[in-house]
Amino acid sequence: MPNPNTAEHQGRFHPANAETRVTVRPEDLPLNCPTPETALWASHPRVYLPIEEAPGGRIRCPYCGTLYELAQD
């Protein structure tokens, strides 16, 4: 049986992969896509992205194509 309270909480999440470019701060690491703010039921399997090792601090998700950039503080 589906959870009758599911719809009550959908306003807390943004649509899956709604942004194509996301800036990530060091305190957000380790990085995974989709992010915790994404409604997982509407997205792809979780994948961890090694942005710290990526050239220029940029990495693209192989599933959805979202570009993640490590913030330069």
Protein backbone atom coordinates (compact mmCIF):
# COMPACT_ATOMS: atom_id res chain seq x y z
CA MET A 1 0.00 0.00 0.00
CA PRO A 2 1.41 3.45 -0.89
CA ASN A 3 2.24 5.85 1.91
CA PRO A 4 -0.72 8.25 2.17
CA ASN A 5 1.56 11.02 3.53
CA THR A 6 4.00 11.07 0.60
CA ALA A 7 2.44 14.06 -1.16
CA GLU A 8 2.62 16.18 2.00
CA HIS A 9 6.42 16.37 1.81
CA GLN A 10 7.04 16.92 -1.92
CA GLY A 11 7.44 20.68 -1.49
CA ARG A 12 10.75 20.08 0.35
CA PHE A 13 12.40 18.59 -2.73
CA HIS A 14 13.35 20.08 -6.08
CA PRO A 15 12.61 18.11 -9.25
CA ALA A 16 15.20 15.53 -10.22
CA ASN A 17 18.19 17.06 -11.96
CA ALA A 18 16.42 20.40 -12.38
CA GLU A 19 19.74 22.25 -12.50
CA THR A 20 22.38 21.48 -15.06
CA ARG A 21 25.18 23.26 -13.16
CA VAL A 22 25.72 22.98 -9.40
CA THR A 23 28.41 24.60 -7.25
CA VAL A 24 29.68 22.37 -4.46
CA ARG A 25 31.47 23.60 -1.33
CA PRO A 26 34.16 21.54 0.43
CA GLU A 27 31.84 20.95 3.40
CA ASP A 28 29.36 19.27 1.00
CA LEU A 29 31.84 16.47 0.19
CA PRO A 30 31.73 13.60 -0.50
CA LEU A 31 29.68 14.46 -3.56
CA ASN A 32 26.96 12.21 -4.86
CA CYS A 33 24.36 12.63 -7.57
CA PRO A 34 21.47 12.93 -7.12
CA THR A 35 21.96 15.26 -4.17
CA PRO A 36 20.05 14.79 -0.89
CA GLU A 37 17.64 17.56 -1.91
CA THR A 38 16.48 15.63 -4.97
CA ALA A 39 13.36 13.51 -4.80
CA LEU A 40 15.03 10.12 -5.32
CA TRP A 41 11.92 8.45 -6.68
CA ALA A 42 12.19 10.72 -9.72
CA SER A 43 15.88 10.33 -10.42
CA HIS A 44 18.67 7.89 -11.26
CA PRO A 45 20.72 5.56 -9.02
CA ARG A 46 23.11 7.30 -6.62
CA VAL A 47 26.65 7.68 -7.92
CA TYR A 48 29.59 9.14 -5.99
CA LEU A 49 31.65 11.68 -7.95
CA PRO A 50 35.33 12.27 -7.03
CA ILE A 51 35.27 16.03 -7.69
CA GLU A 52 38.38 16.60 -5.52
CA GLU A 53 40.41 14.61 -8.05
CA ALA A 54 38.76 16.01 -11.18
CA PRO A 55 40.71 18.41 -13.42
CA GLY A 56 39.76 22.00 -12.63
CA GLY A 57 37.42 20.88 -9.85
CA ARG A 58 34.67 20.07 -12.36
CA ILE A 59 32.92 16.77 -12.93
CA ARG A 60 29.83 15.69 -14.84
CA CYS A 61 27.33 13.07 -13.69
CA PRO A 62 27.40 10.11 -16.10
CA TYR A 63 23.66 9.53 -15.66
CA CYS A 64 22.02 12.94 -15.96
CA GLY A 65 24.83 15.18 -17.26
CA THR A 66 24.67 17.66 -14.37
CA LEU A 67 27.93 19.60 -14.13
CA TYR A 68 29.31 19.97 -10.62
CA GLU A 69 31.93 22.63 -9.85
CA LEU A 70 33.98 22.81 -6.68
CA ALA A 71 33.78 26.31 -5.18
CA GLN A 72 37.09 28.16 -5.08
CA ASP A 73 37.13 29.83 -1.66
